[in-house]
């Protein structure tokens, strides 16, 4: 609230200019809980996916690690840092953290080239079964679709999720934003974890 007050008193200050230029920065500075953090991170992810997909022809032949480095770079912004191969009971592909003073909020993510729904589930096993402690309510799976027809890949993942319900999936998956899927899992810790499956069309 102090920052908003300063902005109203000094609308032409450098801080006010930054807050107007960078989408979501005001939300980051003023975030108070997990829900606020999720809104900001989701906005950054959707923006990053849009940039990747608009450059699909340049990125199509890159390997998983390079694609994840580009994705991480697009997600990162003032207030959000992104680590690759960070340790969380193993080396998780991507860790997204807030730099907001006083809050230690983060998200874990696995990123795979799409090689069928079984391979996708292996990434889920790593993420939820190994890297996640269950204390974090949301995690992400990124699928880089480079060779398969895009909607075929999405439908295959959804059918696999809803038929097999891996990792104690509690209900049918649902459609999220920008061709994503959402599944909810009963973690071994007893906590519910929402897994957002972001599918990235690099065809």
N, C-alpha and C. Protein backbone atom coordinates (compact mmCIF):
# COMPACT_ATOMS: atom_id res chain seq x y z
N UNK A 1 0.82 -1.20 0.00
CA UNK A 1 0.00 0.00 0.00
C UNK A 1 0.86 1.27 0.00
N UNK A 2 2.00 1.20 0.70
CA UNK A 2 2.92 2.33 0.74
C UNK A 2 3.37 2.70 -0.67
N UNK A 3 3.69 1.65 -1.49
CA UNK A 3 4.15 1.92 -2.84
C UNK A 3 3.07 2.58 -3.68
N UNK A 4 1.84 2.14 -3.52
CA UNK A 4 0.74 2.75 -4.28
C UNK A 4 0.56 4.20 -3.86
N UNK A 5 0.73 4.47 -2.56
CA UNK A 5 0.62 5.84 -2.07
C UNK A 5 1.72 6.71 -2.66
N UNK A 6 2.96 6.17 -2.70
CA UNK A 6 4.07 6.92 -3.29
C UNK A 6 3.84 7.19 -4.77
N UNK A 7 3.27 6.20 -5.47
CA UNK A 7 2.99 6.39 -6.90
C UNK A 7 2.00 7.53 -7.12
N UNK A 8 0.96 7.58 -6.28
CA UNK A 8 -0.05 8.62 -6.46
C UNK A 8 0.52 10.00 -6.17
N UNK A 9 1.48 10.08 -5.24
CA UNK A 9 2.09 11.36 -4.91
C UNK A 9 3.18 11.76 -5.90
N UNK A 10 3.83 10.73 -6.50
CA UNK A 10 4.95 10.98 -7.42
C UNK A 10 4.74 10.19 -8.72
N UNK A 11 3.75 10.57 -9.52
CA UNK A 11 3.41 9.79 -10.73
C UNK A 11 4.49 9.74 -11.78
N UNK A 12 5.46 10.66 -11.72
CA UNK A 12 6.52 10.68 -12.73
C UNK A 12 7.84 10.13 -12.22
N UNK A 13 7.82 9.50 -11.06
CA UNK A 13 9.05 8.95 -10.49
C UNK A 13 9.48 7.71 -11.28
N UNK A 14 10.78 7.32 -11.20
CA UNK A 14 11.25 6.11 -11.87
C UNK A 14 10.46 4.86 -11.47
N UNK A 15 10.12 4.75 -10.18
CA UNK A 15 9.35 3.59 -9.72
C UNK A 15 7.99 3.53 -10.40
N UNK A 16 7.31 4.67 -10.45
CA UNK A 16 6.00 4.72 -11.10
C UNK A 16 6.11 4.32 -12.58
N UNK A 17 7.16 4.77 -13.23
CA UNK A 17 7.37 4.43 -14.64
C UNK A 17 7.58 2.93 -14.82
N UNK A 18 8.41 2.32 -13.95
CA UNK A 18 8.64 0.87 -14.03
C UNK A 18 7.35 0.10 -13.82
N UNK A 19 6.55 0.51 -12.85
CA UNK A 19 5.31 -0.20 -12.55
C UNK A 19 4.32 -0.11 -13.70
N UNK A 20 4.38 0.99 -14.47
CA UNK A 20 3.49 1.11 -15.63
C UNK A 20 4.02 0.29 -16.81
N UNK A 21 5.34 0.22 -16.96
CA UNK A 21 5.93 -0.44 -18.12
C UNK A 21 5.87 -1.95 -18.02
N UNK A 22 6.15 -2.51 -16.83
CA UNK A 22 6.27 -3.96 -16.68
C UNK A 22 4.96 -4.53 -16.15
N UNK A 23 4.22 -5.29 -16.98
CA UNK A 23 2.95 -5.87 -16.54
C UNK A 23 3.18 -6.80 -15.35
N UNK A 24 2.33 -6.66 -14.35
CA UNK A 24 2.37 -7.57 -13.22
C UNK A 24 3.33 -7.17 -12.12
N UNK A 25 4.21 -6.19 -12.36
CA UNK A 25 5.18 -5.83 -11.34
C UNK A 25 4.49 -5.25 -10.10
N UNK A 26 3.46 -4.44 -10.31
CA UNK A 26 2.73 -3.88 -9.19
C UNK A 26 2.11 -5.00 -8.36
N UNK A 27 1.56 -6.02 -9.04
CA UNK A 27 0.98 -7.16 -8.33
C UNK A 27 2.04 -7.90 -7.53
N UNK A 28 3.23 -8.05 -8.12
CA UNK A 28 4.31 -8.76 -7.43
C UNK A 28 4.73 -8.02 -6.16
N UNK A 29 4.90 -6.73 -6.27
CA UNK A 29 5.35 -5.95 -5.12
C UNK A 29 4.32 -5.99 -4.00
N UNK A 30 3.06 -6.07 -4.37
CA UNK A 30 1.99 -6.02 -3.37
C UNK A 30 1.37 -7.38 -3.08
N UNK A 31 1.98 -8.46 -3.56
CA UNK A 31 1.36 -9.77 -3.32
C UNK A 31 1.37 -10.12 -1.84
N UNK A 32 0.33 -10.84 -1.44
CA UNK A 32 0.16 -11.18 -0.04
C UNK A 32 0.00 -12.68 0.22
N UNK A 33 -0.22 -13.48 -0.82
CA UNK A 33 -0.48 -14.89 -0.58
C UNK A 33 -0.21 -15.71 -1.84
N UNK A 34 -0.42 -17.02 -1.73
CA UNK A 34 -0.18 -17.95 -2.84
C UNK A 34 -1.05 -17.62 -4.05
N UNK A 35 -2.28 -17.23 -3.81
CA UNK A 35 -3.19 -16.93 -4.93
C UNK A 35 -2.68 -15.75 -5.75
N UNK A 36 -2.19 -14.71 -5.06
CA UNK A 36 -1.62 -13.55 -5.77
C UNK A 36 -0.42 -13.98 -6.60
N UNK A 37 0.44 -14.79 -5.99
CA UNK A 37 1.65 -15.25 -6.67
C UNK A 37 1.29 -16.07 -7.91
N UNK A 38 0.29 -16.93 -7.80
CA UNK A 38 -0.10 -17.78 -8.92
C UNK A 38 -0.60 -16.95 -10.10
N UNK A 39 -1.33 -15.89 -9.82
CA UNK A 39 -1.82 -15.02 -10.89
C UNK A 39 -0.66 -14.40 -11.66
N UNK A 40 0.33 -13.88 -10.92
CA UNK A 40 1.48 -13.23 -11.55
C UNK A 40 2.30 -14.23 -12.35
N UNK A 41 2.59 -15.40 -11.76
CA UNK A 41 3.40 -16.41 -12.46
C UNK A 41 2.67 -16.92 -13.70
N UNK A 42 1.37 -17.15 -13.59
CA UNK A 42 0.60 -17.62 -14.74
C UNK A 42 0.66 -16.62 -15.88
N UNK A 43 0.57 -15.34 -15.56
CA UNK A 43 0.68 -14.29 -16.59
C UNK A 43 2.04 -14.36 -17.28
N UNK A 44 3.11 -14.52 -16.50
CA UNK A 44 4.45 -14.60 -17.06
C UNK A 44 4.59 -15.84 -17.95
N UNK A 45 4.05 -16.97 -17.51
CA UNK A 45 4.15 -18.21 -18.28
C UNK A 45 3.43 -18.07 -19.61
N UNK A 46 2.21 -17.53 -19.59
CA UNK A 46 1.44 -17.40 -20.83
C UNK A 46 2.14 -16.46 -21.80
N UNK A 47 2.75 -15.40 -21.28
CA UNK A 47 3.50 -14.48 -22.13
C UNK A 47 4.71 -15.18 -22.74
N UNK A 48 5.41 -15.99 -21.92
CA UNK A 48 6.58 -16.72 -22.41
C UNK A 48 6.20 -17.73 -23.48
N UNK A 49 5.09 -18.44 -23.27
CA UNK A 49 4.63 -19.42 -24.26
C UNK A 49 4.29 -18.73 -25.58
N UNK A 50 3.66 -17.58 -25.49
CA UNK A 50 3.32 -16.83 -26.71
C UNK A 50 4.58 -16.47 -27.49
N UNK A 51 5.62 -16.04 -26.79
CA UNK A 51 6.88 -15.69 -27.46
C UNK A 51 7.55 -16.91 -28.08
N UNK A 52 7.53 -18.03 -27.37
CA UNK A 52 8.09 -19.27 -27.92
C UNK A 52 7.35 -19.69 -29.19
N UNK A 53 6.04 -19.66 -29.13
CA UNK A 53 5.24 -20.14 -30.26
C UNK A 53 5.36 -19.22 -31.47
N UNK A 54 5.55 -17.94 -31.23
CA UNK A 54 5.72 -17.01 -32.35
C UNK A 54 7.07 -17.18 -33.03
N UNK A 55 7.99 -17.84 -32.33
CA UNK A 55 9.30 -18.13 -32.89
C UNK A 55 9.52 -19.63 -33.10
N UNK A 56 8.43 -20.35 -33.32
CA UNK A 56 8.48 -21.81 -33.38
C UNK A 56 9.48 -22.34 -34.41
N UNK A 57 9.55 -21.71 -35.57
CA UNK A 57 10.45 -22.19 -36.62
C UNK A 57 11.92 -22.09 -36.20
N UNK A 58 12.23 -21.13 -35.34
CA UNK A 58 13.60 -20.97 -34.87
C UNK A 58 13.96 -21.95 -33.76
N UNK A 59 12.93 -22.43 -33.05
CA UNK A 59 13.17 -23.24 -31.86
C UNK A 59 12.87 -24.72 -32.05
N UNK A 60 12.24 -25.09 -33.14
CA UNK A 60 11.72 -26.44 -33.33
C UNK A 60 12.75 -27.54 -33.14
N UNK A 61 13.98 -27.32 -33.58
CA UNK A 61 15.00 -28.37 -33.55
C UNK A 61 15.90 -28.33 -32.31
N UNK A 62 15.59 -27.47 -31.37
CA UNK A 62 16.42 -27.36 -30.17
C UNK A 62 16.10 -28.49 -29.18
N UNK A 63 17.07 -28.81 -28.32
CA UNK A 63 16.83 -29.87 -27.33
C UNK A 63 16.09 -29.32 -26.12
N UNK A 64 15.69 -30.24 -25.22
CA UNK A 64 14.89 -29.86 -24.05
C UNK A 64 15.58 -28.81 -23.19
N UNK A 65 16.87 -29.01 -22.94
CA UNK A 65 17.60 -28.11 -22.05
C UNK A 65 17.65 -26.69 -22.61
N UNK A 66 17.89 -26.59 -23.93
CA UNK A 66 17.97 -25.26 -24.55
C UNK A 66 16.60 -24.59 -24.57
N UNK A 67 15.56 -25.35 -24.90
CA UNK A 67 14.21 -24.79 -24.88
C UNK A 67 13.84 -24.31 -23.48
N UNK A 68 14.23 -25.08 -22.47
CA UNK A 68 13.91 -24.69 -21.09
C UNK A 68 14.68 -23.44 -20.68
N UNK A 69 15.90 -23.29 -21.19
CA UNK A 69 16.68 -22.08 -20.90
C UNK A 69 15.99 -20.85 -21.50
N UNK A 70 15.48 -21.00 -22.71
CA UNK A 70 14.78 -19.89 -23.36
C UNK A 70 13.48 -19.58 -22.62
N UNK A 71 12.73 -20.64 -22.27
CA UNK A 71 11.48 -20.46 -21.52
C UNK A 71 11.75 -19.75 -20.19
N UNK A 72 12.78 -20.19 -19.47
CA UNK A 72 13.12 -19.57 -18.19
C UNK A 72 13.46 -18.09 -18.37
N UNK A 73 14.20 -17.78 -19.42
CA UNK A 73 14.56 -16.39 -19.69
C UNK A 73 13.35 -15.53 -19.98
N UNK A 74 12.38 -16.08 -20.67
CA UNK A 74 11.16 -15.33 -20.97
C UNK A 74 10.29 -15.13 -19.73
N UNK A 75 10.28 -16.11 -18.82
CA UNK A 75 9.46 -16.00 -17.61
C UNK A 75 10.05 -14.98 -16.64
N UNK A 76 11.37 -14.97 -16.54
CA UNK A 76 12.04 -14.12 -15.56
C UNK A 76 11.80 -12.64 -15.84
N UNK A 77 11.64 -11.88 -14.78
CA UNK A 77 11.43 -10.44 -14.89
C UNK A 77 11.75 -9.82 -13.53
N UNK A 78 11.81 -8.49 -13.43
CA UNK A 78 12.02 -7.90 -12.11
C UNK A 78 10.97 -8.39 -11.12
N UNK A 79 11.41 -8.99 -10.03
CA UNK A 79 10.49 -9.54 -9.03
C UNK A 79 10.34 -11.04 -9.10
N UNK A 80 10.71 -11.65 -10.24
CA UNK A 80 10.64 -13.11 -10.38
C UNK A 80 11.96 -13.61 -10.92
N UNK A 81 12.54 -14.58 -10.23
CA UNK A 81 13.76 -15.23 -10.73
C UNK A 81 13.42 -16.67 -11.10
N UNK A 82 14.20 -17.22 -12.02
CA UNK A 82 13.98 -18.58 -12.49
C UNK A 82 15.31 -19.33 -12.45
N UNK A 83 15.32 -20.48 -11.79
CA UNK A 83 16.51 -21.30 -11.70
C UNK A 83 16.31 -22.58 -12.51
N UNK A 84 17.37 -23.05 -13.14
CA UNK A 84 17.34 -24.33 -13.85
C UNK A 84 18.19 -25.34 -13.09
N UNK A 85 17.71 -26.59 -13.10
CA UNK A 85 18.40 -27.69 -12.43
C UNK A 85 18.66 -27.36 -10.95
N UNK A 86 17.70 -26.69 -10.33
CA UNK A 86 17.80 -26.39 -8.91
C UNK A 86 17.54 -27.67 -8.11
N UNK A 87 18.16 -27.79 -6.94
CA UNK A 87 18.00 -29.03 -6.16
C UNK A 87 16.75 -28.97 -5.29
N UNK A 88 15.89 -29.98 -5.46
CA UNK A 88 14.70 -30.14 -4.63
C UNK A 88 14.43 -31.64 -4.53
N UNK A 89 15.21 -32.31 -3.70
CA UNK A 89 15.20 -33.78 -3.64
C UNK A 89 15.54 -34.37 -5.00
N UNK A 90 16.43 -33.71 -5.70
CA UNK A 90 16.79 -34.06 -7.08
C UNK A 90 16.85 -32.77 -7.87
N UNK A 91 17.30 -32.86 -9.10
CA UNK A 91 17.48 -31.64 -9.90
C UNK A 91 16.24 -31.38 -10.76
N UNK A 92 15.38 -30.51 -10.26
CA UNK A 92 14.16 -30.15 -10.97
C UNK A 92 14.51 -29.23 -12.13
N UNK A 93 13.79 -29.38 -13.26
CA UNK A 93 14.12 -28.62 -14.48
C UNK A 93 14.05 -27.11 -14.26
N UNK A 94 12.94 -26.65 -13.68
CA UNK A 94 12.71 -25.21 -13.53
C UNK A 94 12.13 -24.92 -12.16
N UNK A 95 12.67 -23.89 -11.52
CA UNK A 95 12.13 -23.39 -10.26
C UNK A 95 11.90 -21.90 -10.40
N UNK A 96 10.66 -21.47 -10.16
CA UNK A 96 10.27 -20.07 -10.30
C UNK A 96 10.06 -19.50 -8.90
N UNK A 97 10.76 -18.40 -8.60
CA UNK A 97 10.73 -17.84 -7.25
C UNK A 97 10.37 -16.36 -7.26
N UNK A 98 9.69 -15.93 -6.22
CA UNK A 98 9.45 -14.50 -6.05
C UNK A 98 10.64 -13.87 -5.35
N UNK A 99 10.94 -12.63 -5.72
CA UNK A 99 11.98 -11.86 -5.05
C UNK A 99 11.37 -10.82 -4.12
N UNK A 100 10.07 -10.98 -3.85
CA UNK A 100 9.38 -10.06 -2.95
C UNK A 100 9.92 -10.22 -1.53
N UNK A 101 10.36 -9.14 -0.94
CA UNK A 101 10.93 -9.20 0.40
C UNK A 101 9.85 -9.64 1.40
N UNK A 102 10.19 -10.66 2.19
CA UNK A 102 9.27 -11.14 3.22
C UNK A 102 8.45 -12.34 2.81
N UNK A 103 8.53 -12.75 1.53
CA UNK A 103 7.77 -13.89 1.06
C UNK A 103 8.70 -14.87 0.34
N UNK A 104 8.58 -16.13 0.69
CA UNK A 104 9.40 -17.17 0.07
C UNK A 104 8.48 -18.11 -0.70
N UNK A 105 7.98 -17.62 -1.82
CA UNK A 105 7.04 -18.39 -2.64
C UNK A 105 7.75 -18.88 -3.89
N UNK A 106 7.42 -20.10 -4.30
CA UNK A 106 8.07 -20.65 -5.49
C UNK A 106 7.18 -21.69 -6.13
N UNK A 107 7.53 -22.07 -7.37
CA UNK A 107 6.86 -23.13 -8.11
C UNK A 107 7.92 -24.03 -8.74
N UNK A 108 7.64 -25.33 -8.78
CA UNK A 108 8.51 -26.30 -9.43
C UNK A 108 7.89 -26.73 -10.75
N UNK A 109 8.74 -27.02 -11.75
CA UNK A 109 8.23 -27.43 -13.06
C UNK A 109 9.18 -28.41 -13.73
N UNK A 110 8.60 -29.35 -14.46
CA UNK A 110 9.35 -30.24 -15.34
C UNK A 110 9.02 -29.85 -16.77
N UNK A 111 10.00 -29.95 -17.65
CA UNK A 111 9.81 -29.58 -19.05
C UNK A 111 10.34 -30.69 -19.94
N UNK A 112 9.48 -31.19 -20.85
CA UNK A 112 9.85 -32.30 -21.71
C UNK A 112 9.41 -32.04 -23.15
N UNK A 113 10.20 -32.52 -24.09
CA UNK A 113 9.69 -32.61 -25.46
C UNK A 113 8.62 -33.70 -25.47
N UNK A 114 7.57 -33.46 -26.24
CA UNK A 114 6.48 -34.43 -26.27
C UNK A 114 6.88 -35.67 -27.06
N UNK A 115 6.87 -36.81 -26.36
CA UNK A 115 7.13 -38.11 -27.00
C UNK A 115 6.05 -39.11 -26.60
N UNK A 116 4.83 -38.63 -26.51
CA UNK A 116 3.71 -39.48 -26.14
C UNK A 116 3.33 -39.32 -24.68
N UNK A 117 2.11 -39.73 -24.33
CA UNK A 117 1.59 -39.52 -22.98
C UNK A 117 2.34 -40.29 -21.90
N UNK A 118 2.90 -41.45 -22.23
CA UNK A 118 3.65 -42.22 -21.24
C UNK A 118 4.91 -41.48 -20.82
N UNK A 119 5.60 -40.87 -21.78
CA UNK A 119 6.78 -40.07 -21.48
C UNK A 119 6.39 -38.84 -20.66
N UNK A 120 5.24 -38.27 -20.98
CA UNK A 120 4.72 -37.13 -20.22
C UNK A 120 4.50 -37.53 -18.76
N UNK A 121 3.95 -38.72 -18.56
CA UNK A 121 3.70 -39.18 -17.19
C UNK A 121 5.01 -39.38 -16.42
N UNK A 122 6.07 -39.78 -17.10
CA UNK A 122 7.36 -39.92 -16.43
C UNK A 122 7.81 -38.58 -15.83
N UNK A 123 7.57 -37.50 -16.56
CA UNK A 123 7.88 -36.18 -16.03
C UNK A 123 7.03 -35.85 -14.81
N UNK A 124 5.76 -36.24 -14.86
CA UNK A 124 4.88 -36.04 -13.71
C UNK A 124 5.38 -36.82 -12.50
N UNK A 125 5.83 -38.05 -12.74
CA UNK A 125 6.34 -38.88 -11.65
C UNK A 125 7.53 -38.20 -10.98
N UNK A 126 8.43 -37.65 -11.79
CA UNK A 126 9.58 -36.94 -11.24
C UNK A 126 9.14 -35.74 -10.41
N UNK A 127 8.22 -34.98 -10.98
CA UNK A 127 7.81 -33.72 -10.38
C UNK A 127 7.03 -33.91 -9.08
N UNK A 128 5.95 -34.69 -9.15
CA UNK A 128 5.09 -34.86 -7.98
C UNK A 128 5.59 -35.97 -7.06
N UNK A 129 6.08 -37.05 -7.68
CA UNK A 129 6.50 -38.19 -6.88
C UNK A 129 7.84 -38.02 -6.19
N UNK A 130 8.68 -37.13 -6.72
CA UNK A 130 10.03 -37.00 -6.18
C UNK A 130 10.37 -35.59 -5.72
N UNK A 131 10.25 -34.61 -6.61
CA UNK A 131 10.74 -33.27 -6.31
C UNK A 131 9.83 -32.49 -5.37
N UNK A 132 8.51 -32.68 -5.49
CA UNK A 132 7.57 -31.92 -4.69
C UNK A 132 7.38 -32.54 -3.31
N UNK A 133 7.41 -31.69 -2.29
CA UNK A 133 7.17 -32.16 -0.91
C UNK A 133 5.69 -32.17 -0.58
N UNK A 134 4.88 -31.55 -1.45
CA UNK A 134 3.45 -31.44 -1.20
C UNK A 134 3.05 -30.15 -0.53
N UNK A 135 4.04 -29.40 -0.03
CA UNK A 135 3.74 -28.14 0.65
C UNK A 135 3.38 -27.03 -0.33
N UNK A 136 3.80 -27.20 -1.59
CA UNK A 136 3.51 -26.20 -2.61
C UNK A 136 2.24 -26.61 -3.35
N UNK A 137 1.21 -25.78 -3.38
CA UNK A 137 -0.09 -26.22 -3.89
C UNK A 137 -0.20 -26.35 -5.41
N UNK A 138 0.75 -25.79 -6.16
CA UNK A 138 0.68 -25.80 -7.63
C UNK A 138 2.04 -26.16 -8.20
N UNK A 139 2.04 -26.98 -9.26
CA UNK A 139 3.27 -27.31 -9.99
C UNK A 139 2.94 -27.29 -11.48
N UNK A 140 4.00 -27.31 -12.33
CA UNK A 140 3.79 -27.18 -13.77
C UNK A 140 4.52 -28.26 -14.55
N UNK A 141 3.87 -28.74 -15.61
CA UNK A 141 4.50 -29.58 -16.63
C UNK A 141 4.48 -28.81 -17.93
N UNK A 142 5.65 -28.63 -18.55
CA UNK A 142 5.73 -27.99 -19.86
C UNK A 142 6.03 -29.06 -20.90
N UNK A 143 5.22 -29.12 -21.95
CA UNK A 143 5.43 -30.05 -23.05
C UNK A 143 5.73 -29.28 -24.32
N UNK A 144 6.93 -29.49 -24.87
CA UNK A 144 7.30 -28.86 -26.14
C UNK A 144 6.88 -29.80 -27.27
N UNK A 145 5.85 -29.43 -28.00
CA UNK A 145 5.34 -30.27 -29.08
C UNK A 145 6.01 -29.85 -30.38
N UNK A 146 6.90 -30.70 -30.90
CA UNK A 146 7.71 -30.33 -32.06
C UNK A 146 7.45 -31.19 -33.29
N UNK A 147 6.94 -32.40 -33.11
CA UNK A 147 6.78 -33.31 -34.25
C UNK A 147 5.37 -33.84 -34.41
N UNK A 148 4.61 -33.86 -33.35
CA UNK A 148 3.24 -34.40 -33.38
C UNK A 148 2.25 -33.28 -33.67
N UNK A 149 1.15 -33.62 -34.34
CA UNK A 149 0.09 -32.62 -34.53
C UNK A 149 -0.34 -32.12 -33.15
N UNK A 150 -0.44 -30.81 -33.01
CA UNK A 150 -0.57 -30.21 -31.69
C UNK A 150 -1.81 -30.71 -30.93
N UNK A 151 -2.96 -30.65 -31.54
CA UNK A 151 -4.18 -31.06 -30.84
C UNK A 151 -4.19 -32.56 -30.57
N UNK A 152 -3.54 -33.33 -31.42
CA UNK A 152 -3.42 -34.77 -31.17
C UNK A 152 -2.63 -35.01 -29.88
N UNK A 153 -1.57 -34.25 -29.69
CA UNK A 153 -0.75 -34.37 -28.47
C UNK A 153 -1.58 -34.00 -27.24
N UNK A 154 -2.30 -32.90 -27.29
CA UNK A 154 -3.10 -32.47 -26.14
C UNK A 154 -4.16 -33.52 -25.80
N UNK A 155 -4.86 -34.00 -26.82
CA UNK A 155 -5.91 -34.99 -26.59
C UNK A 155 -5.34 -36.29 -26.04
N UNK A 156 -4.15 -36.66 -26.51
CA UNK A 156 -3.51 -37.89 -26.01
C UNK A 156 -3.16 -37.76 -24.53
N UNK A 157 -2.64 -36.61 -24.14
CA UNK A 157 -2.31 -36.38 -22.73
C UNK A 157 -3.58 -36.43 -21.89
N UNK A 158 -4.63 -35.74 -22.35
CA UNK A 158 -5.88 -35.70 -21.58
C UNK A 158 -6.48 -37.10 -21.45
N UNK A 159 -6.51 -37.84 -22.54
CA UNK A 159 -7.07 -39.20 -22.47
C UNK A 159 -6.28 -40.07 -21.52
N UNK A 160 -4.96 -39.93 -21.54
CA UNK A 160 -4.11 -40.72 -20.66
C UNK A 160 -4.37 -40.35 -19.19
N UNK A 161 -4.47 -39.06 -18.92
CA UNK A 161 -4.73 -38.62 -17.55
C UNK A 161 -6.05 -39.15 -17.04
N UNK A 162 -7.09 -39.04 -17.86
CA UNK A 162 -8.43 -39.37 -17.39
C UNK A 162 -8.69 -40.87 -17.37
N UNK A 163 -7.94 -41.62 -18.18
CA UNK A 163 -8.10 -43.08 -18.18
C UNK A 163 -7.30 -43.71 -17.05
N UNK A 164 -6.08 -43.22 -16.83
CA UNK A 164 -5.18 -43.86 -15.87
C UNK A 164 -5.12 -43.17 -14.51
N UNK A 165 -5.49 -41.92 -14.48
CA UNK A 165 -5.45 -41.13 -13.24
C UNK A 165 -4.15 -41.37 -12.46
N UNK A 166 -3.02 -41.02 -13.07
CA UNK A 166 -1.73 -41.27 -12.42
C UNK A 166 -1.51 -40.42 -11.18
N UNK A 167 -0.65 -40.89 -10.30
CA UNK A 167 -0.25 -40.15 -9.11
C UNK A 167 -1.45 -39.69 -8.29
N UNK A 168 -2.37 -40.63 -8.07
CA UNK A 168 -3.56 -40.35 -7.25
C UNK A 168 -4.35 -39.14 -7.74
N UNK A 169 -4.50 -39.06 -9.06
CA UNK A 169 -5.33 -37.99 -9.64
C UNK A 169 -6.76 -38.17 -9.14
N UNK A 170 -7.36 -37.10 -8.62
CA UNK A 170 -8.62 -37.25 -7.90
C UNK A 170 -9.86 -37.06 -8.77
N UNK A 171 -9.69 -36.51 -9.97
CA UNK A 171 -10.86 -36.26 -10.82
C UNK A 171 -10.41 -36.14 -12.27
N UNK A 172 -11.37 -35.97 -13.17
CA UNK A 172 -11.05 -35.76 -14.58
C UNK A 172 -10.25 -34.47 -14.74
N UNK A 173 -9.32 -34.46 -15.67
CA UNK A 173 -8.59 -33.23 -15.96
C UNK A 173 -9.53 -32.21 -16.61
N UNK A 174 -9.19 -30.96 -16.49
CA UNK A 174 -10.01 -29.90 -17.07
C UNK A 174 -9.17 -29.05 -18.02
N UNK A 175 -9.84 -28.28 -18.85
CA UNK A 175 -9.15 -27.40 -19.80
C UNK A 175 -8.75 -26.13 -19.09
N UNK A 176 -7.48 -25.74 -19.23
CA UNK A 176 -7.01 -24.49 -18.66
C UNK A 176 -6.84 -23.45 -19.75
N UNK A 177 -6.06 -22.43 -19.45
CA UNK A 177 -5.85 -21.35 -20.40
C UNK A 177 -4.81 -21.73 -21.44
N UNK A 178 -4.97 -21.23 -22.64
CA UNK A 178 -3.99 -21.36 -23.72
C UNK A 178 -3.58 -22.82 -23.95
N UNK A 179 -4.56 -23.67 -24.22
CA UNK A 179 -4.31 -25.09 -24.56
C UNK A 179 -3.66 -25.88 -23.42
N UNK A 180 -3.83 -25.41 -22.20
CA UNK A 180 -3.27 -26.16 -21.07
C UNK A 180 -4.33 -27.10 -20.50
N UNK A 181 -3.86 -28.04 -19.70
CA UNK A 181 -4.74 -28.95 -18.97
C UNK A 181 -4.44 -28.80 -17.49
N UNK A 182 -5.42 -29.12 -16.66
CA UNK A 182 -5.25 -29.02 -15.22
C UNK A 182 -5.70 -30.32 -14.56
N UNK A 183 -4.84 -30.91 -13.76
CA UNK A 183 -5.20 -32.10 -13.01
C UNK A 183 -4.87 -31.88 -11.54
N UNK A 184 -5.60 -32.56 -10.66
CA UNK A 184 -5.40 -32.41 -9.21
C UNK A 184 -5.02 -33.77 -8.65
N UNK A 185 -3.98 -33.78 -7.80
CA UNK A 185 -3.42 -35.03 -7.30
C UNK A 185 -3.31 -35.02 -5.78
N UNK A 186 -3.62 -36.17 -5.19
CA UNK A 186 -3.47 -36.34 -3.75
C UNK A 186 -2.03 -36.77 -3.48
N UNK A 187 -1.22 -35.82 -3.03
CA UNK A 187 0.21 -36.07 -2.81
C UNK A 187 0.40 -37.03 -1.63
N UNK A 188 1.54 -37.72 -1.62
CA UNK A 188 1.85 -38.67 -0.55
C UNK A 188 1.85 -38.00 0.82
N UNK A 189 2.06 -36.68 0.86
CA UNK A 189 2.05 -35.93 2.11
C UNK A 189 0.64 -35.74 2.67
N UNK A 190 -0.38 -36.03 1.82
CA UNK A 190 -1.76 -35.79 2.22
C UNK A 190 -2.31 -34.48 1.69
N UNK A 191 -1.44 -33.66 1.09
CA UNK A 191 -1.87 -32.39 0.52
C UNK A 191 -2.31 -32.57 -0.93
N UNK A 192 -3.22 -31.72 -1.37
CA UNK A 192 -3.64 -31.71 -2.76
C UNK A 192 -2.71 -30.81 -3.57
N UNK A 193 -2.25 -31.31 -4.71
CA UNK A 193 -1.39 -30.53 -5.59
C UNK A 193 -2.08 -30.37 -6.94
N UNK A 194 -2.23 -29.14 -7.39
CA UNK A 194 -2.78 -28.85 -8.72
C UNK A 194 -1.62 -28.82 -9.71
N UNK A 195 -1.73 -29.64 -10.74
CA UNK A 195 -0.69 -29.69 -11.77
C UNK A 195 -1.23 -29.07 -13.05
N UNK A 196 -0.55 -28.03 -13.51
CA UNK A 196 -0.93 -27.37 -14.75
C UNK A 196 -0.02 -27.86 -15.86
N UNK A 197 -0.63 -28.44 -16.89
CA UNK A 197 0.11 -29.01 -18.03
C UNK A 197 0.08 -27.98 -19.17
N UNK A 198 1.18 -27.26 -19.35
CA UNK A 198 1.25 -26.26 -20.42
C UNK A 198 1.85 -26.90 -21.66
N UNK A 199 1.05 -26.90 -22.73
CA UNK A 199 1.47 -27.49 -24.01
C UNK A 199 1.89 -26.38 -24.97
N UNK A 200 3.10 -26.49 -25.49
CA UNK A 200 3.70 -25.42 -26.29
C UNK A 200 3.87 -25.89 -27.72
N UNK A 201 3.22 -25.20 -28.64
CA UNK A 201 3.19 -25.62 -30.04
C UNK A 201 4.39 -25.04 -30.79
N UNK A 202 5.38 -25.91 -31.05
CA UNK A 202 6.57 -25.50 -31.79
C UNK A 202 6.63 -26.11 -33.19
N UNK A 203 5.49 -26.53 -33.70
CA UNK A 203 5.39 -27.05 -35.06
C UNK A 203 5.41 -25.92 -36.07
